[in-house]
């Protein structure tokens, strides 16, 4: 069996919240998905878990549930990176579909060093292909920014894989990451609909749900240069996800790409 610890690791999908709201966020997240969230979503615990697992860095997000939160969240995310200069942290900004000046906020955060924007359509209750978001995608495409989508849910239609494909067709130069192997609990659709698509995928909140054979089938059908290792912390820790990867019997070349090399290229690590 391949030992994942022989490779460098970058965690491409994590969440954290200010200490004063972390417990509330953890409870609400558990209620939304109907499962226990095992880890505290504070910056301290996130960093501790990354260091303990040998991760060389992580991408960090937070979700805005109303437009008034956007600037405050993004300033807080920036403070996390600014207060931890020794860490390799890639930031993705929060945005909300009802924010009046989305392109302007994108420009502001890109100048602060953010890589792009994270959208969680199901929590934010907005369709990926909503007209409210098209100006954001156009601005992101024009500025070489990445749009990171939560993808898929068997309870909602907001983040269907088909809608991600639609956006890619509308904005062919837009760099898109579809989380959860392209469609949380929609993998039977994802494995076919994403065939030959120039889209990135992360492994978060998928490997612990899928059977190893199912996860392997999806991964080896995707472009090996477009798959990113990710934990969805506080849902899982790096060590948990490494153990799931160990069971997939992937080649060393593919495993090295997933764990670090693909993120290194995409994020200019």
C-alpha atoms as a PDB file:
ATOM      1  CA  UNK A   1       0.000   0.000   0.000  1.00  0.00           C
ATOM      2  CA  UNK A   2       1.237   3.508  -0.860  1.00  0.00           C
ATOM      3  CA  UNK A   3       2.097   5.616   2.150  1.00  0.00           C
ATOM      4  CA  UNK A   4       0.716   9.115   1.719  1.00  0.00           C
ATOM      5  CA  UNK A   5       3.133  10.646   4.222  1.00  0.00           C
ATOM      6  CA  UNK A   6       5.978  10.378   1.704  1.00  0.00           C
ATOM      7  CA  UNK A   7       4.448  13.275  -0.295  1.00  0.00           C
ATOM      8  CA  UNK A   8       3.948  16.960   0.399  1.00  0.00           C
ATOM      9  CA  UNK A   9       0.354  17.842   1.319  1.00  0.00           C
ATOM     10  CA  UNK A  10      -1.821  20.884   0.730  1.00  0.00           C
ATOM     11  CA  UNK A  11      -5.403  20.980   2.016  1.00  0.00           C
ATOM     12  CA  UNK A  12      -7.477  22.826  -0.591  1.00  0.00           C
ATOM     13  CA  UNK A  13     -10.741  23.159   1.353  1.00  0.00           C
ATOM     14  CA  UNK A  14     -11.112  24.294   4.974  1.00  0.00           C
ATOM     15  CA  UNK A  15     -13.479  26.485   6.974  1.00  0.00           C
ATOM     16  CA  UNK A  16     -12.945  28.461  10.159  1.00  0.00           C
ATOM     17  CA  UNK A  17     -14.814  31.129  12.091  1.00  0.00           C
ATOM     18  CA  UNK A  18     -14.005  33.736  14.756  1.00  0.00           C
ATOM     19  CA  UNK A  19     -13.832  32.202  18.224  1.00  0.00           C
ATOM     20  CA  UNK A  20     -16.980  33.954  19.423  1.00  0.00           C
ATOM     21  CA  UNK A  21     -19.201  32.301  16.788  1.00  0.00           C
ATOM     22  CA  UNK A  22     -17.320  29.045  16.166  1.00  0.00           C
ATOM     23  CA  UNK A  23     -19.521  26.898  18.422  1.00  0.00           C
ATOM     24  CA  UNK A  24     -22.697  28.278  16.884  1.00  0.00           C
ATOM     25  CA  UNK A  25     -21.334  27.704  13.385  1.00  0.00           C
ATOM     26  CA  UNK A  26     -20.427  24.137  14.276  1.00  0.00           C
ATOM     27  CA  UNK A  27     -23.950  23.423  15.542  1.00  0.00           C
ATOM     28  CA  UNK A  28     -25.606  25.041  12.544  1.00  0.00           C
ATOM     29  CA  UNK A  29     -23.386  23.156  10.115  1.00  0.00           C
ATOM     30  CA  UNK A  30     -24.281  19.883  11.800  1.00  0.00           C
ATOM     31  CA  UNK A  31     -27.983  20.686  11.604  1.00  0.00           C
ATOM     32  CA  UNK A  32     -27.754  21.630   7.931  1.00  0.00           C
ATOM     33  CA  UNK A  33     -26.103  18.352   6.958  1.00  0.00           C
ATOM     34  CA  UNK A  34     -27.673  16.178   9.662  1.00  0.00           C
ATOM     35  CA  UNK A  35     -24.414  14.770  11.012  1.00  0.00           C
ATOM     36  CA  UNK A  36     -22.069  15.548  13.878  1.00  0.00           C
ATOM     37  CA  UNK A  37     -19.228  17.943  13.105  1.00  0.00           C
ATOM     38  CA  UNK A  38     -16.311  16.401  15.004  1.00  0.00           C
ATOM     39  CA  UNK A  39     -13.821  19.287  15.075  1.00  0.00           C
ATOM     40  CA  UNK A  40     -13.909  22.829  16.421  1.00  0.00           C
ATOM     41  CA  UNK A  41     -13.905  25.345  13.534  1.00  0.00           C
ATOM     42  CA  UNK A  42     -11.608  27.862  15.200  1.00  0.00           C
ATOM     43  CA  UNK A  43      -8.418  29.110  13.565  1.00  0.00           C
ATOM     44  CA  UNK A  44      -6.377  27.712  16.449  1.00  0.00           C
ATOM     45  CA  UNK A  45      -7.774  24.195  16.043  1.00  0.00           C
ATOM     46  CA  UNK A  46      -7.559  24.321  12.260  1.00  0.00           C
ATOM     47  CA  UNK A  47      -3.891  25.293  12.334  1.00  0.00           C
ATOM     48  CA  UNK A  48      -3.153  22.732  15.028  1.00  0.00           C
ATOM     49  CA  UNK A  49      -4.753  19.930  13.027  1.00  0.00           C
ATOM     50  CA  UNK A  50      -2.868  20.924   9.868  1.00  0.00           C
ATOM     51  CA  UNK A  51       0.488  20.995  11.631  1.00  0.00           C
ATOM     52  CA  UNK A  52      -0.124  17.695  13.400  1.00  0.00           C
ATOM     53  CA  UNK A  53      -0.844  16.010  10.068  1.00  0.00           C
ATOM     54  CA  UNK A  54       2.162  17.405   8.240  1.00  0.00           C
ATOM     55  CA  UNK A  55       0.198  19.630   5.877  1.00  0.00           C
ATOM     56  CA  UNK A  56       2.242  22.399   4.305  1.00  0.00           C
ATOM     57  CA  UNK A  57      -0.739  24.747   4.032  1.00  0.00           C
ATOM     58  CA  UNK A  58      -4.439  25.151   3.367  1.00  0.00           C
ATOM     59  CA  UNK A  59      -7.103  27.101   1.507  1.00  0.00           C
ATOM     60  CA  UNK A  60      -9.522  28.910   3.821  1.00  0.00           C
ATOM     61  CA  UNK A  61     -13.159  29.943   3.273  1.00  0.00           C
ATOM     62  CA  UNK A  62     -16.199  31.228   5.103  1.00  0.00           C
ATOM     63  CA  UNK A  63     -19.753  31.584   3.802  1.00  0.00           C
ATOM     64  CA  UNK A  64     -21.845  34.764   3.751  1.00  0.00           C
ATOM     65  CA  UNK A  65     -25.551  34.192   4.373  1.00  0.00           C
ATOM     66  CA  UNK A  66     -26.462  37.824   3.759  1.00  0.00           C
ATOM     67  CA  UNK A  67     -24.788  40.693   1.871  1.00  0.00           C
ATOM     68  CA  UNK A  68     -24.031  42.650   5.039  1.00  0.00           C
ATOM     69  CA  UNK A  69     -21.600  39.928   6.162  1.00  0.00           C
ATOM     70  CA  UNK A  70     -19.409  39.928   3.064  1.00  0.00           C
ATOM     71  CA  UNK A  71     -16.871  42.663   3.764  1.00  0.00           C
ATOM     72  CA  UNK A  72     -16.606  41.777   7.454  1.00  0.00           C
ATOM     73  CA  UNK A  73     -15.937  38.100   6.637  1.00  0.00           C
ATOM     74  CA  UNK A  74     -13.368  38.906   3.983  1.00  0.00           C
ATOM     75  CA  UNK A  75     -11.518  41.311   6.264  1.00  0.00           C
ATOM     76  CA  UNK A  76     -11.468  38.628   8.945  1.00  0.00           C
ATOM     77  CA  UNK A  77     -10.126  36.013   6.513  1.00  0.00           C
ATOM     78  CA  UNK A  78      -7.369  38.428   5.549  1.00  0.00           C
ATOM     79  CA  UNK A  79      -6.517  38.940   9.216  1.00  0.00           C
ATOM     80  CA  UNK A  80      -6.048  35.184   9.665  1.00  0.00           C
ATOM     81  CA  UNK A  81      -3.439  35.108   6.908  1.00  0.00           C
ATOM     82  CA  UNK A  82      -1.856  38.373   8.067  1.00  0.00           C
ATOM     83  CA  UNK A  83      -1.561  37.087  11.644  1.00  0.00           C
ATOM     84  CA  UNK A  84       0.041  33.814  10.543  1.00  0.00           C
ATOM     85  CA  UNK A  85       2.666  34.867   7.975  1.00  0.00           C
ATOM     86  CA  UNK A  86       4.680  31.697   8.526  1.00  0.00           C
ATOM     87  CA  UNK A  87       1.833  29.569   7.147  1.00  0.00           C
ATOM     88  CA  UNK A  88       0.937  28.917   3.522  1.00  0.00           C
ATOM     89  CA  UNK A  89      -2.706  30.067   3.487  1.00  0.00           C
ATOM     90  CA  UNK A  90      -4.675  30.575   0.276  1.00  0.00           C
ATOM     91  CA  UNK A  91      -7.778  32.736   0.769  1.00  0.00           C
ATOM     92  CA  UNK A  92     -11.124  32.528  -1.004  1.00  0.00           C
ATOM     93  CA  UNK A  93     -13.496  35.407  -0.387  1.00  0.00           C
ATOM     94  CA  UNK A  94     -17.091  35.187   0.713  1.00  0.00           C
ATOM     95  CA  UNK A  95     -19.683  36.710  -1.576  1.00  0.00           C
ATOM     96  CA  UNK A  96     -23.469  36.945  -1.581  1.00  0.00           C
ATOM     97  CA  UNK A  97     -25.772  37.058  -4.550  1.00  0.00           C
ATOM     98  CA  UNK A  98     -27.545  40.155  -3.227  1.00  0.00           C
ATOM     99  CA  UNK A  99     -24.373  42.165  -2.669  1.00  0.00           C
ATOM    100  CA  UNK A 100     -24.783  45.244  -4.837  1.00  0.00           C
ATOM    101  CA  UNK A 101     -21.191  45.606  -6.023  1.00  0.00           C
ATOM    102  CA  UNK A 102     -19.835  42.087  -6.372  1.00  0.00           C
ATOM    103  CA  UNK A 103     -17.241  42.898  -9.040  1.00  0.00           C
ATOM    104  CA  UNK A 104     -15.879  45.728  -6.909  1.00  0.00           C
ATOM    105  CA  UNK A 105     -15.550  43.465  -3.891  1.00  0.00           C
ATOM    106  CA  UNK A 106     -13.788  40.878  -6.033  1.00  0.00           C
ATOM    107  CA  UNK A 107     -11.339  43.532  -7.188  1.00  0.00           C
ATOM    108  CA  UNK A 108     -10.731  44.611  -3.588  1.00  0.00           C
ATOM    109  CA  UNK A 109      -9.964  41.107  -2.293  1.00  0.00           C
ATOM    110  CA  UNK A 110      -7.792  40.193  -5.275  1.00  0.00           C
ATOM    111  CA  UNK A 111      -5.641  43.215  -4.482  1.00  0.00           C
ATOM    112  CA  UNK A 112      -5.387  41.848  -0.920  1.00  0.00           C
ATOM    113  CA  UNK A 113      -4.005  38.579  -2.287  1.00  0.00           C
ATOM    114  CA  UNK A 114      -7.111  36.390  -2.344  1.00  0.00           C
ATOM    115  CA  UNK A 115      -7.160  33.666  -5.006  1.00  0.00           C
ATOM    116  CA  UNK A 116     -10.860  33.913  -5.783  1.00  0.00           C
ATOM    117  CA  UNK A 117     -14.344  33.403  -4.342  1.00  0.00           C
ATOM    118  CA  UNK A 118     -16.131  30.518  -2.621  1.00  0.00           C
ATOM    119  CA  UNK A 119     -19.859  30.107  -3.225  1.00  0.00           C
ATOM    120  CA  UNK A 120     -22.042  27.669  -1.277  1.00  0.00           C
ATOM    121  CA  UNK A 121     -25.274  27.688  -3.319  1.00  0.00           C
ATOM    122  CA  UNK A 122     -27.226  25.403  -0.975  1.00  0.00           C
ATOM    123  CA  UNK A 123     -26.572  27.373   2.204  1.00  0.00           C
ATOM    124  CA  UNK A 124     -26.922  30.687   0.360  1.00  0.00           C
ATOM    125  CA  UNK A 125     -30.030  29.470  -1.481  1.00  0.00           C
ATOM    126  CA  UNK A 126     -28.964  30.641  -4.904  1.00  0.00           C
ATOM    127  CA  UNK A 127     -28.674  28.738  -8.161  1.00  0.00           C
ATOM    128  CA  UNK A 128     -25.157  28.523  -9.522  1.00  0.00           C
ATOM    129  CA  UNK A 129     -26.473  29.847 -12.839  1.00  0.00           C
ATOM    130  CA  UNK A 130     -28.541  32.646 -11.299  1.00  0.00           C
ATOM    131  CA  UNK A 131     -28.390  35.940 -13.236  1.00  0.00           C
ATOM    132  CA  UNK A 132     -27.430  37.521  -9.910  1.00  0.00           C
ATOM    133  CA  UNK A 133     -24.007  35.860 -10.131  1.00  0.00           C
ATOM    134  CA  UNK A 134     -23.146  36.287 -13.801  1.00  0.00           C
ATOM    135  CA  UNK A 135     -21.403  39.629 -13.329  1.00  0.00           C
ATOM    136  CA  UNK A 136     -19.196  38.012 -10.690  1.00  0.00           C
ATOM    137  CA  UNK A 137     -18.204  35.200 -13.046  1.00  0.00           C
ATOM    138  CA  UNK A 138     -17.439  37.661 -15.820  1.00  0.00           C
ATOM    139  CA  UNK A 139     -15.222  39.703 -13.495  1.00  0.00           C
ATOM    140  CA  UNK A 140     -13.498  36.574 -12.193  1.00  0.00           C
ATOM    141  CA  UNK A 141     -12.796  35.354 -15.717  1.00  0.00           C
ATOM    142  CA  UNK A 142     -11.392  38.740 -16.703  1.00  0.00           C
ATOM    143  CA  UNK A 143      -9.116  38.850 -13.656  1.00  0.00           C
ATOM    144  CA  UNK A 144      -7.908  35.224 -13.638  1.00  0.00           C
ATOM    145  CA  UNK A 145      -9.683  34.584 -10.340  1.00  0.00           C
ATOM    146  CA  UNK A 146     -10.931  31.145  -9.294  1.00  0.00           C
ATOM    147  CA  UNK A 147     -14.555  30.371  -8.457  1.00  0.00           C
ATOM    148  CA  UNK A 148     -14.820  27.576  -5.888  1.00  0.00           C
ATOM    149  CA  UNK A 149     -18.275  25.960  -5.779  1.00  0.00           C
ATOM    150  CA  UNK A 150     -19.811  23.714  -3.220  1.00  0.00           C
ATOM    151  CA  UNK A 151     -21.208  21.151  -5.664  1.00  0.00           C
ATOM    152  CA  UNK A 152     -24.158  18.813  -5.349  1.00  0.00           C
ATOM    153  CA  UNK A 153     -26.718  17.781  -2.740  1.00  0.00           C
ATOM    154  CA  UNK A 154     -29.517  15.273  -3.060  1.00  0.00           C
ATOM    155  CA  UNK A 155     -31.923  17.648  -1.264  1.00  0.00           C
ATOM    156  CA  UNK A 156     -31.538  20.726  -3.460  1.00  0.00           C
ATOM    157  CA  UNK A 157     -31.068  21.763  -7.076  1.00  0.00           C
ATOM    158  CA  UNK A 158     -29.020  24.912  -6.407  1.00  0.00           C
ATOM    159  CA  UNK A 159     -25.638  23.307  -7.082  1.00  0.00           C
ATOM    160  CA  UNK A 160     -26.336  20.582  -9.622  1.00  0.00           C
ATOM    161  CA  UNK A 161     -23.322  19.505 -11.719  1.00  0.00           C
ATOM    162  CA  UNK A 162     -25.262  20.471 -14.865  1.00  0.00           C
ATOM    163  CA  UNK A 163     -25.301  24.091 -13.678  1.00  0.00           C
ATOM    164  CA  UNK A 164     -21.553  24.100 -13.179  1.00  0.00           C
ATOM    165  CA  UNK A 165     -21.107  22.856 -16.742  1.00  0.00           C
ATOM    166  CA  UNK A 166     -23.437  25.609 -17.932  1.00  0.00           C
ATOM    167  CA  UNK A 167     -21.283  28.275 -16.264  1.00  0.00           C
ATOM    168  CA  UNK A 168     -18.123  26.776 -17.740  1.00  0.00           C
ATOM    169  CA  UNK A 169     -19.707  26.925 -21.187  1.00  0.00           C
ATOM    170  CA  UNK A 170     -20.717  30.550 -20.651  1.00  0.00           C
ATOM    171  CA  UNK A 171     -17.292  31.520 -19.291  1.00  0.00           C
ATOM    172  CA  UNK A 172     -14.823  29.074 -20.896  1.00  0.00           C
ATOM    173  CA  UNK A 173     -11.716  30.780 -19.495  1.00  0.00           C
ATOM    174  CA  UNK A 174     -13.073  30.854 -15.942  1.00  0.00           C
ATOM    175  CA  UNK A 175     -11.121  28.600 -13.565  1.00  0.00           C
ATOM    176  CA  UNK A 176     -13.660  26.535 -11.609  1.00  0.00           C
ATOM    177  CA  UNK A 177     -13.227  24.149  -8.702  1.00  0.00           C
ATOM    178  CA  UNK A 178     -16.173  21.833  -7.995  1.00  0.00           C
ATOM    179  CA  UNK A 179     -15.933  20.565  -4.426  1.00  0.00           C
ATOM    180  CA  UNK A 180     -16.786  17.063  -3.203  1.00  0.00           C
ATOM    181  CA  UNK A 181     -15.611  15.279  -6.374  1.00  0.00           C
ATOM    182  CA  UNK A 182     -17.975  17.441  -8.361  1.00  0.00           C
ATOM    183  CA  UNK A 183     -21.257  16.694  -6.627  1.00  0.00           C
ATOM    184  CA  UNK A 184     -21.956  15.810  -2.992  1.00  0.00           C
ATOM    185  CA  UNK A 185     -24.318  12.801  -3.075  1.00  0.00           C
ATOM    186  CA  UNK A 186     -24.737  13.368  -6.817  1.00  0.00           C
ATOM    187  CA  UNK A 187     -21.779  11.242  -7.835  1.00  0.00           C
ATOM    188  CA  UNK A 188     -23.780   8.987 -10.145  1.00  0.00           C
ATOM    189  CA  UNK A 189     -24.391  12.102 -12.267  1.00  0.00           C
ATOM    190  CA  UNK A 190     -20.970  13.631 -11.768  1.00  0.00           C
ATOM    191  CA  UNK A 191     -18.970  10.703 -13.080  1.00  0.00           C
ATOM    192  CA  UNK A 192     -20.510  11.091 -16.539  1.00  0.00           C
ATOM    193  CA  UNK A 193     -21.351  14.767 -16.811  1.00  0.00           C
ATOM    194  CA  UNK A 194     -17.816  15.967 -16.039  1.00  0.00           C
ATOM    195  CA  UNK A 195     -16.135  13.707 -18.558  1.00  0.00           C
ATOM    196  CA  UNK A 196     -13.512  15.677 -20.552  1.00  0.00           C
ATOM    197  CA  UNK A 197     -14.367  18.915 -18.717  1.00  0.00           C
ATOM    198  CA  UNK A 198     -11.641  21.453 -17.938  1.00  0.00           C
ATOM    199  CA  UNK A 199     -12.677  21.808 -14.293  1.00  0.00           C
ATOM    200  CA  UNK A 200     -10.885  21.157 -11.010  1.00  0.00           C
ATOM    201  CA  UNK A 201     -12.377  18.866  -8.351  1.00  0.00           C
ATOM    202  CA  UNK A 202     -11.566  18.425  -4.707  1.00  0.00           C
ATOM    203  CA  UNK A 203     -11.812  15.219  -2.667  1.00  0.00           C
ATOM    204  CA  UNK A 204     -13.528  16.698   0.392  1.00  0.00           C
ATOM    205  CA  UNK A 205     -16.700  15.214   1.937  1.00  0.00           C
ATOM    206  CA  UNK A 206     -16.680  12.367  -0.543  1.00  0.00           C
ATOM    207  CA  UNK A 207     -14.121   9.709   0.406  1.00  0.00           C
ATOM    208  CA  UNK A 208     -15.682   9.022   3.802  1.00  0.00           C
ATOM    209  CA  UNK A 209     -19.127   8.560   2.225  1.00  0.00           C
ATOM    210  CA  UNK A 210     -18.314   6.645  -0.951  1.00  0.00           C
ATOM    211  CA  UNK A 211     -17.095   3.068  -0.957  1.00  0.00           C
ATOM    212  CA  UNK A 212     -13.392   2.863  -1.911  1.00  0.00           C
ATOM    213  CA  UNK A 213     -14.194   1.291  -5.270  1.00  0.00           C
ATOM    214  CA  UNK A 214     -16.716   4.012  -6.082  1.00  0.00           C
ATOM    215  CA  UNK A 215     -14.312   6.804  -5.138  1.00  0.00           C
ATOM    216  CA  UNK A 216     -11.514   5.222  -7.149  1.00  0.00           C
ATOM    217  CA  UNK A 217     -13.740   4.896 -10.223  1.00  0.00           C
ATOM    218  CA  UNK A 218     -14.609   8.590 -10.122  1.00  0.00           C
ATOM    219  CA  UNK A 219     -11.048   9.769  -9.523  1.00  0.00           C
ATOM    220  CA  UNK A 220      -9.460   7.748 -12.305  1.00  0.00           C
ATOM    221  CA  UNK A 221     -12.078   8.975 -14.791  1.00  0.00           C
ATOM    222  CA  UNK A 222     -11.262  12.607 -14.053  1.00  0.00           C
ATOM    223  CA  UNK A 223      -8.264  14.487 -15.410  1.00  0.00           C
ATOM    224  CA  UNK A 224      -5.392  13.521 -13.078  1.00  0.00           C
ATOM    225  CA  UNK A 225      -4.065  17.086 -13.222  1.00  0.00           C
ATOM    226  CA  UNK A 226      -7.356  18.530 -11.941  1.00  0.00           C
ATOM    227  CA  UNK A 227      -7.929  16.754  -8.608  1.00  0.00           C
ATOM    228  CA  UNK A 228      -7.145  18.473  -5.307  1.00  0.00           C
ATOM    229  CA  UNK A 229      -6.752  16.939  -1.870  1.00  0.00           C
ATOM    230  CA  UNK A 230      -9.169  18.511   0.612  1.00  0.00           C
ATOM    231  CA  UNK A 231     -10.692  17.839   4.031  1.00  0.00           C
ATOM    232  CA  UNK A 232     -13.623  20.252   4.386  1.00  0.00           C
ATOM    233  CA  UNK A 233     -12.354  20.907   7.930  1.00  0.00           C
ATOM    234  CA  UNK A 234     -14.026  20.872  10.468  1.00  0.00           C
ATOM    235  CA  UNK A 235     -15.833  17.947   8.804  1.00  0.00           C
ATOM    236  CA  UNK A 236     -12.616  15.924   8.612  1.00  0.00           C
ATOM    237  CA  UNK A 237      -8.928  16.335   9.428  1.00  0.00           C
ATOM    238  CA  UNK A 238      -5.999  15.770   7.100  1.00  0.00           C
ATOM    239  CA  UNK A 239      -5.109  12.454   8.736  1.00  0.00           C
ATOM    240  CA  UNK A 240      -8.654  11.149   8.246  1.00  0.00           C
ATOM    241  CA  UNK A 241      -8.587  11.922   4.529  1.00  0.00           C
ATOM    242  CA  UNK A 242      -5.115  10.437   4.100  1.00  0.00           C
ATOM    243  CA  UNK A 243      -6.407   7.162   5.523  1.00  0.00           C
ATOM    244  CA  UNK A 244      -9.289   7.145   3.031  1.00  0.00           C
ATOM    245  CA  UNK A 245      -6.856   7.791   0.168  1.00  0.00           C
ATOM    246  CA  UNK A 246      -4.683   4.902   1.312  1.00  0.00           C
ATOM    247  CA  UNK A 247      -7.567   2.535   0.593  1.00  0.00           C
ATOM    248  CA  UNK A 248      -8.039   3.620  -3.044  1.00  0.00           C
ATOM    249  CA  UNK A 249      -4.930   1.908  -4.447  1.00  0.00           C
ATOM    250  CA  UNK A 250      -3.988   4.897  -6.576  1.00  0.00           C
ATOM    251  CA  UNK A 251      -0.659   5.140  -8.377  1.00  0.00           C
ATOM    252  CA  UNK A 252       2.105   7.092  -6.694  1.00  0.00           C
ATOM    253  CA  UNK A 253       2.165   9.565  -9.559  1.00  0.00           C
ATOM    254  CA  UNK A 254      -1.559  10.299  -9.230  1.00  0.00           C
ATOM    255  CA  UNK A 255      -1.399  10.448  -5.448  1.00  0.00           C
ATOM    256  CA  UNK A 256       1.443  12.961  -5.539  1.00  0.00           C
ATOM    257  CA  UNK A 257      -0.545  15.153  -7.924  1.00  0.00           C
ATOM    258  CA  UNK A 258      -3.676  15.006  -5.770  1.00  0.00           C
ATOM    259  CA  UNK A 259      -1.892  15.688  -2.493  1.00  0.00           C
ATOM    260  CA  UNK A 260       0.211  18.624  -3.629  1.00  0.00           C
ATOM    261  CA  UNK A 261       1.348  19.089  -7.209  1.00  0.00           C
ATOM    262  CA  UNK A 262      -2.030  20.078  -8.668  1.00  0.00           C
ATOM    263  CA  UNK A 263      -2.595  22.639  -5.918  1.00  0.00           C
ATOM    264  CA  UNK A 264       0.975  23.871  -6.295  1.00  0.00           C
ATOM    265  CA  UNK A 265       0.325  24.686  -9.952  1.00  0.00           C
ATOM    266  CA  UNK A 266      -3.163  26.138  -9.501  1.00  0.00           C
ATOM    267  CA  UNK A 267      -2.392  28.256  -6.428  1.00  0.00           C
ATOM    268  CA  UNK A 268       1.223  29.150  -7.271  1.00  0.00           C
ATOM    269  CA  UNK A 269       2.386  27.670  -3.979  1.00  0.00           C
END
